[in-house]
Amino acid sequence: MIDTQIIQFEVIVLLITWTTLLYFQKSKTLNNDVDITYFTQFIKKNGGNHLSHLTYMQDKDVYWAQEKQVAFIYKIIANKAVVLGDPLGDQVLLKRALVEFNDYCQKAGIKPIYYQICPENMQYYHELGYTFRKIGEEGIVSLDTFSLTGKNGAKLRSTLNKFTRNSYTFRVLQPPYSKELLQELTSVSNNWLANKKEKGFSVVAYSDDYVSNFPIGVIEESNGRIVAFATIATDYKNNVTIDLMRKHQESPAGTMDVMFVHILNWAKGNGYNSCSLGMAPLANVGQSKDAFFSEKLLRIAYEKGNKYYNFKGLFYFKTKFATNWEPKYVAYTKSPFPVILLQLMMLINSDANRKPKLSIDMIKKLFLIKKEGGLS
């Protein structure tokens, strides 16, 4: 029964896609460019969240609501304003800010969508008529309980000791950075990318300007050569996020395990409360027999789509460290969910220098369609 429903769903999605293909390419603009200096002052005062640092990619806009006391980080795709995470700022004003942004979007002829919102704020979206779908879970490490002692930490301890014996070292660098260091980081990043393209919106991309905003954890060989690095972002509420991660393809197995252990110990030693590992897309989505049909389809994508995106591998990696998992949702209204998914894919698969563009290959990746038809 489910196979028949899936095939019907594929046909519907493809029909929707073909009839809206040209329309998708014509995105509206609102021209709310980001003043990075002001934004930095704002989040230092009010705090951010596990996504707010992505504003420094400068591929998104900011709408200031409630007399600049609440910030909406968003990007336009077709007739949608996709807001990244919950609005930032004074949470007492959140409901009024949502109404204000809704009115603003309505006057501009666009529809707001909220991507990766937290459970505690869902009541406010619900009161404004939004529909929800779960799209993954954020892995979080409670640093006060993080430890490698005992049986659970044995494998990570063994890997860490191996790197120590082989004279690999870890340190955290602080900006500003020299031209020579940025060139070395660029080299590592390019080696990791190989023939892959950078993404955007909710997926961080490398640039000298971006990484220069954050402390950077590096793993070095005995000769000082950097083999891996990761930026460390803060929400200014005593929490950090392990952000952009890159390693040389010839780095030893377990390099990123060691990087995470060192960063978590560094954050714990510097008095931070928790560390976000970011969202594991589609993790624990659509598992219940009573789940929404669309979420069950996302579960199939999670199970069968790993040749396009390493859903399972990413989730497994984060389970090595995460002590808590927080569900994340997309909130939307008056739009078919398949269209929402396509538009989100277009945003994520377009970097800051490329206009979001829809392609049939993208559709095939989303719905796991083989060339001969059906699902992979």
Protein backbone atom coordinates (compact mmCIF):
# COMPACT_ATOMS: atom_id res chain seq x y z
CA MET A 1 0.00 0.00 0.00
CA ILE A 2 2.74 2.44 0.95
CA ASP A 3 4.58 1.80 -2.36
CA THR A 4 1.49 2.79 -4.34
CA GLN A 5 1.09 5.92 -2.24
CA ILE A 6 4.73 6.83 -2.77
CA ILE A 7 4.48 6.50 -6.55
CA GLN A 8 1.32 8.63 -6.55
CA PHE A 9 3.11 11.19 -4.41
CA GLU A 10 6.06 11.27 -6.86
CA VAL A 11 3.74 11.94 -9.79
CA ILE A 12 1.95 14.74 -7.95
CA VAL A 13 5.23 16.35 -6.95
CA LEU A 14 6.62 16.21 -10.48
CA LEU A 15 3.43 17.77 -11.88
CA ILE A 16 3.60 20.56 -9.30
CA THR A 17 7.27 21.08 -10.11
CA TRP A 18 6.85 21.28 -13.88
CA THR A 19 3.92 23.71 -13.66
CA THR A 20 5.78 26.01 -11.26
CA LEU A 21 9.32 25.69 -12.65
CA LEU A 22 9.47 29.09 -14.31
CA TYR A 23 7.70 30.79 -11.42
CA PHE A 24 10.27 29.49 -8.94
CA GLN A 25 13.05 31.29 -10.77
CA LYS A 26 11.48 34.71 -10.18
CA SER A 27 12.10 35.55 -6.54
CA LYS A 28 10.94 38.79 -5.00
CA THR A 29 13.41 41.05 -3.17
CA LEU A 30 12.83 43.03 0.03
CA ASN A 31 16.23 44.71 0.44
CA ASN A 32 16.74 44.35 4.20
CA ASP A 33 20.53 44.10 4.02
CA VAL A 34 22.41 43.16 7.20
CA ASP A 35 24.45 45.71 9.13
CA ILE A 36 26.86 43.16 10.63
CA THR A 37 28.22 45.57 13.24
CA TYR A 38 24.73 46.37 14.55
CA PHE A 39 23.71 42.70 14.38
CA THR A 40 26.74 41.71 16.46
CA GLN A 41 25.89 44.30 19.10
CA PHE A 42 22.29 43.04 19.11
CA ILE A 43 23.09 39.36 19.73
CA LYS A 44 25.75 40.22 22.31
CA LYS A 45 23.03 42.07 24.22
CA ASN A 46 20.07 39.76 23.59
CA GLY A 47 21.66 36.41 22.82
CA GLY A 48 21.31 34.28 19.73
CA ASN A 49 20.55 30.61 19.06
CA HIS A 50 22.17 27.58 17.42
CA LEU A 51 21.72 29.20 13.97
CA SER A 52 22.23 32.94 14.52
CA HIS A 53 25.96 32.82 13.68
CA LEU A 54 25.04 31.83 10.10
CA THR A 55 24.00 35.45 9.57
CA TYR A 56 27.72 36.16 9.13
CA MET A 57 27.62 34.24 5.85
CA GLN A 58 25.89 37.39 4.54
CA ASP A 59 23.62 35.42 2.22
CA LYS A 60 20.54 36.32 4.23
CA ASP A 61 18.58 39.45 5.20
CA VAL A 62 17.34 40.73 8.56
CA TYR A 63 13.92 42.17 9.31
CA TRP A 64 13.85 44.22 12.51
CA ALA A 65 10.53 44.06 14.37
CA GLN A 66 9.16 45.73 17.49
CA GLU A 67 11.38 48.79 17.18
CA LYS A 68 14.51 46.69 16.56
CA GLN A 69 13.98 44.50 19.61
CA VAL A 70 13.35 41.32 17.58
CA ALA A 71 15.27 40.10 14.50
CA PHE A 72 14.08 37.76 11.74
CA ILE A 73 16.92 36.16 9.75
CA TYR A 74 15.48 35.16 6.38
CA LYS A 75 16.04 34.61 2.69
CA ILE A 76 13.61 35.04 -0.21
CA ILE A 77 12.79 32.17 -2.57
CA ALA A 78 10.00 32.75 -5.11
CA ASN A 79 7.04 34.03 -3.07
CA LYS A 80 8.38 32.79 0.28
CA ALA A 81 10.41 34.43 3.04
CA VAL A 82 12.17 31.50 4.73
CA VAL A 83 13.14 32.46 8.28
CA LEU A 84 16.12 30.58 9.69
CA GLY A 85 15.21 29.44 13.19
CA ASP A 86 13.05 31.30 15.67
CA PRO A 87 13.21 35.10 15.73
CA LEU A 88 15.98 36.52 17.94
CA GLY A 89 15.64 39.06 20.71
CA ASP A 90 13.16 39.82 23.46
CA GLN A 91 11.01 36.68 23.69
CA VAL A 92 8.29 38.59 25.54
CA LEU A 93 7.68 40.39 22.25
CA LEU A 94 7.78 37.25 20.10
CA LYS A 95 4.04 36.93 19.45
CA ARG A 96 3.67 40.58 18.46
CA ALA A 97 6.81 40.36 16.34
CA LEU A 98 5.39 37.36 14.46
CA VAL A 99 2.20 39.27 13.72
CA GLU A 100 4.24 42.26 12.53
CA PHE A 101 6.36 40.11 10.21
CA ASN A 102 3.23 38.38 8.87
CA ASP A 103 1.72 41.77 8.04
CA TYR A 104 4.96 42.91 6.44
CA CYS A 105 5.12 39.80 4.25
CA GLN A 106 1.45 40.06 3.29
CA LYS A 107 1.93 43.63 2.08
CA ALA A 108 4.98 42.48 0.07
CA GLY A 109 3.02 39.61 -1.50
CA ILE A 110 5.08 36.82 0.09
CA LYS A 111 4.46 34.04 2.61
CA PRO A 112 6.66 33.46 5.67
CA ILE A 113 8.06 30.01 6.43
CA TYR A 114 9.99 29.18 9.60
CA TYR A 115 12.74 26.55 9.30
CA GLN A 116 14.21 24.73 12.34
CA ILE A 117 11.97 26.23 15.02
CA CYS A 118 12.06 25.00 18.61
CA PRO A 119 9.18 23.22 20.42
CA GLU A 120 8.80 25.86 23.15
CA ASN A 121 7.66 28.53 20.69
CA MET A 122 5.21 26.45 18.66
CA GLN A 123 2.18 27.86 20.49
CA TYR A 124 2.79 31.28 18.97
CA TYR A 125 2.98 29.92 15.42
CA HIS A 126 -0.07 27.74 16.06
CA GLU A 127 -2.16 30.74 17.08
CA LEU A 128 -1.31 32.35 13.73
CA GLY A 129 -2.52 29.34 11.75
CA TYR A 130 0.77 27.61 10.94
CA THR A 131 1.11 23.91 10.12
CA PHE A 132 4.12 21.95 11.41
CA ARG A 133 6.27 19.13 10.12
CA LYS A 134 9.26 17.68 11.94
CA ILE A 135 12.44 17.89 9.88
CA GLY A 136 15.15 16.57 12.23
CA GLU A 137 16.73 16.83 15.67
CA GLU A 138 19.48 19.02 17.07
CA GLY A 139 22.21 17.22 18.98
CA ILE A 140 23.24 18.98 22.20
CA VAL A 141 26.04 18.17 24.64
CA SER A 142 25.52 19.11 28.28
CA LEU A 143 29.07 20.06 29.15
CA ASP A 144 28.73 19.62 32.90
CA THR A 145 28.20 15.88 32.34
CA PHE A 146 30.55 15.42 29.37
CA SER A 147 33.34 12.97 30.17
CA LEU A 148 35.35 10.22 28.51
CA THR A 149 35.58 8.14 31.68
CA GLY A 150 33.97 4.74 31.90
CA LYS A 151 33.00 2.17 29.29
CA ASN A 152 31.10 4.61 27.07
CA GLY A 153 34.15 6.77 26.50
CA ALA A 154 36.62 3.93 25.92
CA LYS A 155 36.70 4.10 22.10
CA LEU A 156 37.09 7.88 22.05
CA ARG A 157 39.83 7.67 24.71
CA SER A 158 41.67 5.15 22.59
CA THR A 159 41.47 7.36 19.51
CA LEU A 160 42.57 10.42 21.46
CA ASN A 161 45.56 8.57 22.94
CA LYS A 162 46.59 7.36 19.48
CA PHE A 163 46.66 10.92 18.14
CA THR A 164 48.67 12.06 21.17
CA ARG A 165 51.23 9.29 20.66
CA ASN A 166 51.56 10.32 17.01
CA SER A 167 52.34 13.92 18.07
CA TYR A 168 49.12 15.55 16.87
CA THR A 169 48.21 18.65 18.88
CA PHE A 170 45.11 20.77 19.32
CA ARG A 171 44.74 24.46 20.03
CA VAL A 172 42.08 27.17 19.72
CA LEU A 173 43.05 30.26 17.72
CA GLN A 174 41.45 33.66 18.19
CA PRO A 175 40.82 36.35 15.53
CA PRO A 176 42.16 38.42 13.88
CA TYR A 177 43.96 35.94 11.63
CA SER A 178 46.98 36.41 9.43
CA LYS A 179 46.84 36.11 5.65
CA GLU A 180 49.09 33.06 5.86
CA LEU A 181 46.78 31.24 8.28
CA LEU A 182 43.71 31.95 6.15
CA GLN A 183 45.53 30.63 3.11
CA GLU A 184 46.29 27.41 4.98
CA LEU A 185 42.66 27.05 6.10
CA THR A 186 41.51 27.68 2.53
CA SER A 187 43.80 24.92 1.32
CA VAL A 188 42.37 22.43 3.83
CA SER A 189 38.83 23.46 2.92
CA ASN A 190 39.43 23.12 -0.82
CA ASN A 191 41.00 19.71 -0.31
CA TRP A 192 37.95 18.57 1.66
CA LEU A 193 35.54 19.96 -0.93
CA ALA A 194 37.32 18.38 -3.92
CA ASN A 195 34.66 18.49 -6.64
CA LYS A 196 31.77 19.28 -4.31
CA LYS A 197 30.10 22.70 -4.27
CA GLU A 198 29.55 24.80 -1.18
CA LYS A 199 25.98 25.02 0.10
CA GLY A 200 24.22 27.91 1.81
CA PHE A 201 21.38 29.25 3.97
CA SER A 202 21.31 26.73 6.87
CA VAL A 203 24.54 24.93 5.84
CA VAL A 204 27.72 26.87 6.47
CA ALA A 205 30.19 27.57 3.65
CA TYR A 206 33.84 28.55 3.88
CA SER A 207 35.07 32.07 3.26
CA ASP A 208 37.92 34.04 4.80
CA ASP A 209 35.50 36.71 5.96
CA TYR A 210 33.20 34.18 7.63
CA VAL A 211 35.78 32.22 9.61
CA SER A 212 37.43 35.46 10.72
CA ASN A 213 34.46 36.10 13.02
CA PHE A 214 35.08 33.11 15.28
CA PRO A 215 37.60 31.20 17.38
CA ILE A 216 38.95 28.24 15.40
CA GLY A 217 39.98 24.87 16.76
CA VAL A 218 42.84 23.29 14.77
CA ILE A 219 44.54 19.91 14.80
CA GLU A 220 48.18 20.07 13.73
CA GLU A 221 50.87 17.59 12.85
CA SER A 222 54.17 17.72 14.73
CA ASN A 223 55.57 20.07 12.05
CA GLY A 224 52.73 22.56 12.62
CA ARG A 225 50.78 21.68 9.45
CA ILE A 226 47.00 22.00 9.99
CA VAL A 227 45.12 18.84 9.01
CA ALA A 228 41.68 19.85 10.31
CA PHE A 229 39.84 22.86 11.71
CA ALA A 230 36.44 23.85 13.05
CA THR A 231 34.94 27.24 13.85
CA ILE A 232 33.38 27.68 17.28
CA ALA A 233 30.39 30.02 17.46
CA THR A 234 28.69 31.33 20.59
CA ASP A 235 25.09 32.37 21.17
CA TYR A 236 26.23 34.81 23.88
CA LYS A 237 24.09 32.87 26.36
CA ASN A 238 26.96 30.70 27.56
CA ASN A 239 26.49 28.06 24.86
CA VAL A 240 28.63 27.25 21.81
CA THR A 241 28.13 25.54 18.47
CA ILE A 242 30.67 23.48 16.56
CA ASP A 243 30.15 25.14 13.22
CA LEU A 244 32.20 24.85 10.01
CA MET A 245 34.28 21.64 9.99
CA ARG A 246 36.91 20.79 7.40
CA LYS A 247 39.71 18.22 7.29
CA HIS A 248 42.36 17.17 4.81
CA GLN A 249 41.42 14.01 2.93
CA GLU A 250 44.71 12.42 4.00
CA SER A 251 44.13 13.10 7.70
CA PRO A 252 44.02 9.98 9.91
CA ALA A 253 40.79 8.14 10.64
CA GLY A 254 39.16 9.58 13.75
CA THR A 255 40.40 13.14 13.16
CA MET A 256 36.98 14.70 13.67
CA ASP A 257 36.29 12.54 16.73
CA VAL A 258 39.44 13.99 18.27
CA MET A 259 38.46 17.51 17.17
CA PHE A 260 35.09 17.21 18.90
CA VAL A 261 36.57 15.84 22.11
CA HIS A 262 39.08 18.67 22.30
CA ILE A 263 36.50 21.39 21.54
CA LEU A 264 34.07 20.00 24.11
CA ASN A 265 36.80 19.90 26.75
CA TRP A 266 37.87 23.43 25.79
CA ALA A 267 34.28 24.71 26.04
CA LYS A 268 33.77 22.97 29.37
CA GLY A 269 37.01 24.40 30.70
CA ASN A 270 35.95 27.89 29.65
CA GLY A 271 32.68 27.73 31.57
CA TYR A 272 30.17 27.14 28.77
CA ASN A 273 26.98 25.24 29.64
CA SER A 274 26.30 23.33 26.44
CA CYS A 275 27.53 22.73 22.92
CA SER A 276 25.23 22.39 19.90
CA LEU A 277 26.25 19.87 17.26
CA GLY A 278 23.69 21.24 14.82
CA MET A 279 20.68 19.48 13.39
CA ALA A 280 20.76 15.91 12.11
CA PRO A 281 18.34 16.22 9.14
CA LEU A 282 15.39 13.79 9.17
CA ALA A 283 16.62 12.06 12.34
CA ASN A 284 13.72 10.36 14.18
CA VAL A 285 11.16 11.73 11.71
CA GLY A 286 8.07 9.72 10.72
CA GLN A 287 8.80 6.69 12.88
CA SER A 288 5.32 6.31 14.34
CA LYS A 289 2.62 4.48 12.39
CA ASP A 290 0.39 7.45 13.17
CA ALA A 291 2.83 10.06 11.82
CA PHE A 292 1.79 12.39 9.00
CA PHE A 293 2.10 10.75 5.58
CA SER A 294 4.56 13.44 4.49
CA GLU A 295 6.77 12.66 7.50
CA LYS A 296 6.64 8.96 6.66
CA LEU A 297 7.96 9.87 3.21
CA LEU A 298 10.76 11.84 4.83
CA ARG A 299 11.56 8.69 6.82
CA ILE A 300 11.95 6.82 3.53
CA ALA A 301 14.30 9.58 2.34
CA TYR A 302 16.31 9.11 5.55
CA GLU A 303 16.49 5.35 5.05
CA LYS A 304 17.16 5.27 1.30
CA GLY A 305 18.71 8.63 0.47
CA ASN A 306 22.21 8.20 1.87
CA LYS A 307 23.86 8.10 -1.54
CA TYR A 308 22.73 11.72 -1.97
CA TYR A 309 23.16 12.94 1.62
CA ASN A 310 24.72 11.06 4.52
CA PHE A 311 21.68 11.29 6.81
CA LYS A 312 22.45 8.17 8.84
CA GLY A 313 26.18 8.78 9.03
CA LEU A 314 25.72 12.31 10.33
CA PHE A 315 23.22 11.19 12.96
CA TYR A 316 25.45 8.31 14.04
CA PHE A 317 28.48 10.58 14.35
CA LYS A 318 26.60 13.04 16.55
CA THR A 319 25.24 10.26 18.80
CA LYS A 320 28.84 9.67 19.94
CA PHE A 321 28.70 12.99 21.79
CA ALA A 322 25.12 14.25 22.16
CA THR A 323 23.51 13.94 25.58
CA ASN A 324 20.21 15.51 24.49
CA TRP A 325 18.20 15.72 21.28
CA GLU A 326 15.77 18.56 20.55
CA PRO A 327 13.23 18.18 17.72
CA LYS A 328 13.15 20.85 15.01
CA TYR A 329 10.19 21.79 12.86
CA VAL A 330 9.24 23.71 9.76
CA ALA A 331 6.19 25.95 10.20
CA TYR A 332 4.29 26.99 7.09
CA THR A 333 0.86 28.06 5.91
CA LYS A 334 -1.17 27.99 2.69
CA SER A 335 1.44 26.06 0.70
CA PRO A 336 1.74 22.38 -0.35
CA PHE A 337 4.42 20.68 1.71
CA PRO A 338 6.22 19.19 -1.35
CA VAL A 339 6.67 22.72 -2.71
CA ILE A 340 8.09 23.83 0.65
CA LEU A 341 10.63 20.99 0.53
CA LEU A 342 11.70 21.88 -3.00
CA GLN A 343 12.17 25.52 -2.11
CA LEU A 344 14.18 24.63 1.00
CA MET A 345 16.42 22.40 -1.13
CA MET A 346 16.92 25.23 -3.58
CA LEU A 347 18.03 27.55 -0.79
CA ILE A 348 20.37 25.05 0.86
CA ASN A 349 21.92 23.96 -2.43
CA SER A 350 22.72 27.52 -3.51
CA ASP A 351 25.67 29.35 -1.98
CA ALA A 352 25.86 33.09 -1.37
CA ASN A 353 27.07 33.74 -4.91
CA ARG A 354 24.54 31.59 -6.76
CA LYS A 355 20.84 32.27 -7.27
CA PRO A 356 18.58 29.46 -6.00
CA LYS A 357 17.80 27.31 -9.03
CA LEU A 358 15.52 24.34 -9.45
CA SER A 359 16.60 21.35 -11.51
CA ILE A 360 15.22 17.92 -12.27
CA ASP A 361 18.36 16.39 -10.69
CA MET A 362 17.46 18.18 -7.47
CA ILE A 363 13.95 16.70 -7.61
CA LYS A 364 15.38 13.23 -8.16
CA LYS A 365 17.66 13.64 -5.17
CA LEU A 366 14.80 14.78 -2.95
CA PHE A 367 12.49 11.93 -3.88
CA LEU A 368 15.24 9.34 -4.50
CA ILE A 369 14.03 8.66 -8.04
CA LYS A 370 16.17 6.41 -10.21
CA LYS A 371 16.63 7.12 -13.91
CA GLU A 372 14.51 4.08 -14.76
CA GLY A 373 11.71 5.31 -12.47
CA GLY A 374 10.53 4.48 -8.98
CA LEU A 375 12.44 4.84 -5.74
CA SER A 376 15.98 3.78 -5.09
